[in-house]
Protein backbone atom coordinates (compact mmCIF):
# COMPACT_ATOMS: atom_id res chain seq x y z
CA THR A 1 -81.62 7.76 65.10
CA GLY A 2 -83.23 10.30 67.41
CA VAL A 3 -83.29 12.84 64.59
CA GLN A 4 -86.56 14.66 63.99
CA THR A 5 -87.64 15.00 60.38
CA CYS A 6 -89.48 17.94 58.90
CA ALA A 7 -93.22 17.86 59.57
CA LEU A 8 -93.69 20.04 56.49
CA PRO A 9 -91.62 18.73 53.55
CA ILE A 10 -90.00 21.46 51.50
CA SER A 11 -91.50 21.83 48.04
CA THR A 12 -91.81 24.60 45.53
CA SER A 13 -94.55 22.95 43.48
CA ALA A 14 -98.10 24.24 43.06
CA SER A 15 -99.43 20.88 44.25
CA ARG A 16 -97.63 21.37 47.56
CA LEU A 17 -99.26 24.75 47.99
CA ASP A 18 -102.65 23.21 47.25
CA SER A 19 -102.07 20.44 49.78
CA LEU A 20 -101.69 23.01 52.57
CA ALA A 21 -105.46 23.32 52.62
CA SER A 22 -105.74 19.85 54.19
CA ASP A 23 -102.49 19.79 56.11
CA ARG A 24 -102.76 19.16 59.85
CA LEU A 25 -100.71 22.24 60.50
CA ARG A 26 -103.07 24.57 58.68
CA VAL A 27 -103.34 27.67 60.82
CA ARG A 28 -106.75 28.34 62.33
CA ASP A 29 -105.87 29.82 65.69
CA HIS A 30 -102.58 31.73 65.50
CA TYR A 31 -102.39 32.21 69.25
CA SER A 32 -102.93 28.57 70.21
CA ASP A 33 -100.18 27.22 72.46
CA ARG A 34 -100.98 23.72 71.25
CA LEU A 35 -100.48 24.73 67.62
CA LEU A 36 -97.23 26.51 68.48
CA GLU A 37 -95.88 23.38 70.19
CA ARG A 38 -96.78 21.26 67.15
CA PHE A 39 -95.23 23.66 64.68
CA TYR A 40 -92.04 24.00 66.76
CA ALA A 41 -91.70 20.58 68.38
CA PRO A 42 -88.87 20.43 70.95
CA PRO A 43 -85.72 19.16 69.21
CA PRO A 44 -83.96 15.95 70.22
CA LYS A 45 -80.78 16.17 72.24
CA ILE A 46 -77.57 16.69 70.29
CA THR A 47 -74.04 15.41 70.70
CA ALA A 48 -71.23 17.72 69.65
CA THR A 49 -68.18 16.45 67.78
CA TRP A 50 -65.09 18.58 68.35
CA ARG A 51 -63.02 19.26 65.22
CA GLY A 52 -59.32 20.01 65.00
CA LYS A 53 -57.14 21.49 67.72
CA PRO A 54 -58.26 24.41 69.90
CA PHE A 55 -56.33 27.62 69.28
CA TYR A 56 -55.90 30.98 70.96
CA LYS A 57 -56.78 34.37 69.56
CA ARG A 58 -55.83 37.12 71.96
CA SER A 59 -56.82 35.62 75.32
CA SER A 60 -59.73 33.57 73.94
CA LEU A 61 -59.57 29.81 73.52
CA ILE A 62 -61.41 28.86 70.29
CA SER A 63 -62.68 25.38 69.44
CA ASP A 64 -64.64 24.19 66.41
CA PHE A 65 -67.38 21.58 66.62
CA THR A 66 -70.23 20.16 64.56
CA PHE A 67 -73.50 18.39 65.22
CA PRO A 68 -76.24 16.96 62.99
CA SER A 69 -79.20 19.27 62.49
CA PRO A 70 -82.12 18.12 64.68
CA LEU A 71 -84.52 19.10 61.87
CA PRO A 72 -82.81 18.04 58.63
CA SER A 73 -83.70 19.40 55.22
CA PRO A 74 -83.73 17.62 51.82
CA TYR A 75 -80.29 19.16 51.11
CA PRO A 76 -77.55 17.01 52.72
CA VAL A 77 -75.03 19.88 52.63
CA ASN A 78 -77.36 21.85 54.89
CA ASN A 79 -77.77 19.16 57.54
CA THR A 80 -74.45 19.46 59.35
CA VAL A 81 -74.25 22.40 61.75
CA TYR A 82 -70.82 24.07 62.00
CA ALA A 83 -70.14 25.96 65.21
CA ARG A 84 -67.31 27.72 66.98
CA TYR A 85 -66.92 27.96 70.74
CA TYR A 86 -65.20 31.08 72.12
CA SER A 87 -64.12 30.47 75.69
CA ALA A 88 -63.12 33.17 78.15
CA GLY A 89 -61.05 30.55 80.00
CA GLU A 90 -60.05 26.91 79.78
CA SER A 91 -62.51 25.81 82.48
CA ARG A 92 -65.64 26.81 80.52
CA GLU A 93 -67.51 27.93 83.61
CA ALA A 94 -68.68 31.32 82.33
CA PRO A 95 -72.23 32.13 81.16
CA VAL A 96 -72.77 31.28 77.49
CA VAL A 97 -74.03 33.61 74.75
CA ILE A 98 -75.35 31.84 71.64
CA PHE A 99 -74.73 34.27 68.79
CA LEU A 100 -77.16 34.20 65.86
CA HIS A 101 -75.65 35.99 62.87
CA GLY A 102 -77.27 38.07 60.14
CA TRP A 103 -78.33 37.14 56.62
CA MET A 104 -75.70 36.46 53.93
CA MET A 105 -72.83 36.01 56.39
CA GLU A 106 -69.83 35.00 54.28
CA PHE A 107 -67.07 35.09 56.88
CA TYR A 108 -66.67 35.17 60.64
CA TYR A 109 -64.73 38.41 60.99
CA ILE A 110 -67.39 40.93 62.08
CA PHE A 111 -69.28 38.61 64.40
CA GLN A 112 -66.10 37.03 65.74
CA LYS A 113 -64.96 40.45 66.97
CA ILE A 114 -68.10 40.65 69.12
CA CYS A 115 -67.52 37.12 70.45
CA LEU A 116 -63.94 38.04 71.40
CA TYR A 117 -65.23 41.15 73.16
CA LEU A 118 -67.73 39.04 75.11
CA ASN A 119 -64.81 36.83 76.19
CA GLN A 120 -63.01 39.92 77.49
CA ARG A 121 -66.10 40.63 79.58
CA GLY A 122 -66.01 37.14 81.11
CA LEU A 123 -68.66 35.57 78.87
CA ASP A 124 -68.32 32.49 76.66
CA ALA A 125 -69.87 32.58 73.18
CA ILE A 126 -71.00 30.10 70.53
CA LEU A 127 -71.31 31.23 66.91
CA PHE A 128 -72.90 28.75 64.52
CA GLU A 129 -73.69 28.88 60.82
CA LEU A 130 -77.42 29.23 60.20
CA PRO A 131 -79.12 27.06 57.54
CA TYR A 132 -78.06 27.66 53.93
CA HIS A 133 -75.14 29.89 54.97
CA LEU A 134 -71.40 29.41 54.42
CA ARG A 135 -70.55 25.68 54.40
CA ARG A 136 -74.25 24.81 54.49
CA LYS A 137 -75.24 26.45 51.21
CA PRO A 138 -76.04 24.39 48.10
CA PRO A 139 -73.31 24.72 45.46
CA ASP A 140 -75.54 26.69 43.05
CA SER A 141 -76.26 29.49 45.54
CA PHE A 142 -74.68 32.29 47.53
CA SER A 143 -74.58 32.29 51.32
CA GLY A 144 -78.12 32.71 52.64
CA GLN A 145 -79.86 32.67 49.25
CA TYR A 146 -82.00 29.62 49.95
CA PHE A 147 -83.01 30.98 53.36
CA LEU A 148 -84.90 34.00 52.00
CA LEU A 149 -84.93 34.12 48.21
CA HIS A 150 -85.79 30.63 46.99
CA SER A 151 -89.43 30.00 47.98
CA PHE A 152 -91.77 30.69 50.87
CA HIS A 153 -91.76 27.07 52.00
CA ILE A 154 -87.98 26.77 52.02
CA THR A 155 -87.87 29.98 54.07
CA MET A 156 -90.46 28.56 56.47
CA GLU A 157 -88.54 25.30 56.92
CA ALA A 158 -85.18 27.07 57.18
CA PHE A 159 -86.65 29.23 59.94
CA ARG A 160 -88.00 26.19 61.80
CA GLN A 161 -84.64 24.48 61.34
CA SER A 162 -82.82 27.53 62.78
CA VAL A 163 -85.12 27.61 65.80
CA ALA A 164 -84.64 23.88 66.41
CA GLU A 165 -80.85 24.14 66.17
CA THR A 166 -80.71 27.11 68.54
CA ARG A 167 -82.92 25.38 71.09
CA ALA A 168 -80.81 22.23 70.79
CA LEU A 169 -77.70 24.28 71.61
CA VAL A 170 -79.45 25.92 74.57
CA ASP A 171 -80.32 22.46 75.88
CA TRP A 172 -76.79 21.16 75.21
CA VAL A 173 -75.20 24.00 77.17
CA SER A 174 -77.69 23.64 80.04
CA ARG A 175 -77.36 19.84 80.14
CA ASP A 176 -73.65 19.25 79.58
CA ASN A 177 -72.03 22.40 80.93
CA ASN A 178 -72.84 22.60 84.65
CA ASN A 179 -76.19 24.37 84.22
CA ARG A 180 -74.51 27.67 83.46
CA PRO A 181 -76.64 30.65 82.46
CA VAL A 182 -77.26 30.59 78.71
CA GLY A 183 -79.00 33.05 76.42
CA ILE A 184 -79.04 34.43 72.91
CA LEU A 185 -77.73 37.44 71.03
CA GLY A 186 -79.34 37.65 67.59
CA ILE A 187 -78.65 40.25 64.91
CA SER A 188 -81.06 41.00 62.03
CA LEU A 189 -81.99 37.56 60.63
CA GLY A 190 -80.54 36.10 63.82
CA GLY A 191 -82.73 38.46 65.83
CA TRP A 192 -85.78 37.11 64.00
CA VAL A 193 -84.80 33.52 64.83
CA GLY A 194 -83.90 34.55 68.37
CA GLY A 195 -87.29 36.18 68.80
CA MET A 196 -89.08 32.91 68.21
CA VAL A 197 -86.64 31.05 70.48
CA THR A 198 -87.51 33.62 73.14
CA VAL A 199 -91.17 32.70 72.71
CA LEU A 200 -90.48 28.98 73.01
CA ASP A 201 -87.62 28.37 75.43
CA PRO A 202 -87.92 29.09 79.18
CA LEU A 203 -84.32 27.94 79.73
CA LEU A 204 -83.00 31.30 78.47
CA SER A 205 -81.43 33.55 81.08
CA PHE A 206 -81.44 36.50 78.65
CA SER A 207 -82.38 37.44 75.10
CA VAL A 208 -80.82 40.31 73.16
CA LEU A 209 -82.39 40.97 69.76
CA GLY A 210 -80.48 43.47 67.63
CA ALA A 211 -82.55 45.05 64.85
CA PRO A 212 -84.62 41.85 64.56
CA ALA A 213 -86.32 41.21 61.22
CA ALA A 214 -89.15 39.81 63.31
CA ASP A 215 -92.21 40.42 61.13
CA PRO A 216 -92.13 38.74 57.69
CA ASP A 217 -95.24 40.57 56.45
CA LEU A 218 -93.77 43.99 57.23
CA MET A 219 -90.36 42.98 55.90
CA ILE A 220 -91.90 41.99 52.57
CA SER A 221 -94.18 45.03 52.30
CA GLU A 222 -91.91 47.82 53.61
CA SER A 223 -88.21 46.90 53.46
CA ALA A 224 -85.71 47.16 50.63
CA LEU A 225 -85.16 43.40 50.87
CA GLY A 226 -88.92 42.91 50.57
CA LYS A 227 -88.91 44.48 47.11
CA GLN A 228 -86.42 41.88 45.95
CA ILE A 229 -88.47 39.09 47.52
CA ARG A 230 -91.62 40.32 45.78
CA ARG A 231 -89.79 40.30 42.44
CA THR A 232 -88.53 36.74 42.89
CA ARG A 233 -91.72 35.21 44.25
CA LYS A 234 -95.02 35.27 42.43
CA VAL A 235 -97.92 34.14 44.61
CA SER A 236 -101.37 33.52 43.17
CA PRO A 237 -104.37 35.17 44.89
CA ASN A 238 -105.69 31.70 45.76
CA HIS A 239 -102.65 31.04 47.93
CA GLN A 240 -102.12 34.53 49.36
CA LYS A 241 -104.43 34.13 52.38
CA GLU A 242 -102.95 30.76 53.24
CA LEU A 243 -99.42 32.14 53.12
CA GLU A 244 -100.40 35.12 55.25
CA SER A 245 -101.80 32.72 57.84
CA LEU A 246 -98.66 30.62 57.86
CA SER A 247 -96.43 33.69 58.11
CA ARG A 248 -97.91 34.43 61.52
CA MET A 249 -96.26 31.28 62.79
CA LEU A 250 -92.96 32.95 61.87
CA THR A 251 -93.80 36.19 63.70
CA PRO A 252 -92.56 36.32 67.33
CA GLY A 253 -94.95 39.17 68.14
CA SER A 254 -97.90 36.84 67.53
CA PHE A 255 -97.04 35.13 70.83
CA GLN A 256 -95.76 36.02 74.28
CA PRO A 257 -92.18 35.37 75.44
CA ALA A 258 -91.40 32.35 77.60
CA ILE A 259 -89.11 34.41 79.87
CA ASP A 260 -89.68 37.50 81.97
CA ARG A 261 -89.71 40.73 79.92
CA SER A 262 -87.01 42.19 82.13
CA ARG A 263 -84.61 39.62 80.64
CA ILE A 264 -85.21 40.89 77.08
CA LEU A 265 -83.32 43.70 75.35
CA LEU A 266 -84.27 45.05 71.92
CA THR A 267 -82.02 47.37 69.93
CA GLU A 268 -82.88 49.71 67.06
CA ASN A 269 -80.58 51.52 64.63
CA LEU A 270 -81.79 55.02 63.76
CA TYR A 271 -80.10 54.96 60.34
CA ASP A 272 -80.96 51.39 59.43
CA GLY A 273 -81.75 51.04 55.74
CA PHE A 274 -82.75 47.37 55.98
CA ILE A 275 -84.98 46.85 59.04
CA PRO A 276 -87.93 49.29 59.34
CA ALA A 277 -88.25 50.74 62.85
CA LYS A 278 -91.94 49.79 62.79
CA ILE A 279 -91.01 46.11 63.06
CA ILE A 280 -89.01 46.57 66.26
CA ARG A 281 -91.53 48.91 67.87
CA ARG A 282 -94.41 46.59 67.03
CA LEU A 283 -92.56 43.70 68.67
CA GLN A 284 -91.82 45.80 71.73
CA LYS A 285 -95.49 46.71 72.10
CA ALA A 286 -96.68 43.12 71.55
CA TRP A 287 -94.34 41.87 74.27
CA GLY A 288 -95.37 44.41 76.90
CA ASN A 289 -92.58 46.95 76.38
CA PRO A 290 -89.29 45.26 77.26
CA GLU A 291 -86.22 47.48 77.38
CA ILE A 292 -85.11 48.99 74.07
CA ARG A 293 -81.87 50.80 73.23
CA ARG A 294 -81.43 53.03 70.18
CA TYR A 295 -78.19 53.78 68.37
CA ARG A 296 -77.23 56.42 65.83
CA GLN A 297 -75.89 53.70 63.56
CA GLY A 298 -76.73 51.84 60.38
CA HIS A 299 -77.51 48.17 59.95
CA ILE A 300 -73.85 47.14 59.70
CA SER A 301 -72.00 50.00 61.40
CA VAL A 302 -73.65 49.21 64.75
CA LEU A 303 -71.63 46.00 64.91
CA TYR A 304 -68.49 48.15 65.24
CA SER A 305 -70.00 50.45 67.87
CA ARG A 306 -68.21 50.33 71.22
CA ARG A 307 -71.32 51.59 72.97
CA PHE A 308 -73.44 48.83 71.44
CA LYS A 309 -71.04 46.08 72.50
CA ARG A 310 -70.56 47.55 75.97
CA GLU A 311 -74.27 47.95 76.69
CA VAL A 312 -75.14 44.49 75.37
CA ALA A 313 -72.45 42.89 77.57
CA ASP A 314 -73.59 44.97 80.57
CA PHE A 315 -77.18 43.80 80.10
CA ILE A 316 -76.17 40.14 79.77
CA GLN A 317 -73.99 40.28 82.88
CA ARG A 318 -76.83 41.84 84.89
CA GLN A 319 -79.16 39.01 83.93
CA CYS A 320 -76.57 36.36 84.80
CA ASP A 321 -75.98 37.92 88.21
CA ARG A 322 -79.65 37.80 89.18
């Protein structure tokens, strides 16, 4: 079928945790390029299926499409990827921004406003629903619950699935759309996913990571969300070291980016109650100090900031003009 299956089956059982000791993907050298390539194998090529009739909103032409996840999970509802293409014009010749949304997204409104703004600036945008969000969530959960609050191994596989789907879209745009410049704009959870895509994918023309939750260890130990995660997950001391080792494979700062640092923009919100500033600054240092912009905003209010949207679009346009 050309569909890649999960190398690490999702399981919440103690026996699955025990089996990690002999798993081929057990982490010994966290900085090994070979290990990184095995953990994040390149996804197979995807074919998009367009759904419904395109429609206009303001001057943007909007089209919905789906594709099968290149790294399917055991939950069938989670294995169809729903995406929306925002085109600045009917010809679809503009650079493409793949937008990676934040955790618990329940509707398109906030992120769609940014996509429409990017269209006004002459940029196309693709917004897709990350694993376990919106139409991809199991019926007994809220949007995003399985991604972060179910178990460590579901989080690990959801993260790998997100990376695979983003890379598949990057390849699809590059392959089927006249080799236009393509890059990513990730916010919060999306910034975390985007950070690892930045490590893996040299096809990116730019990478903008807004308040990226890019260090799972620091998120768990120092953020408000981490307190909730610690309450919902009880890890035995015997498994703690193994989980800490595996978490490094989910940490973009453990590796170097696949694109030039001048093509990377990090953003930090000075009044962010969700993402500790230490996470963003540690990532900046690990990656050799790419550009960072700071905003007197909170975690959500920054999405409404005209300055934030303007400076992000300016940065993307500069990279596409190079």
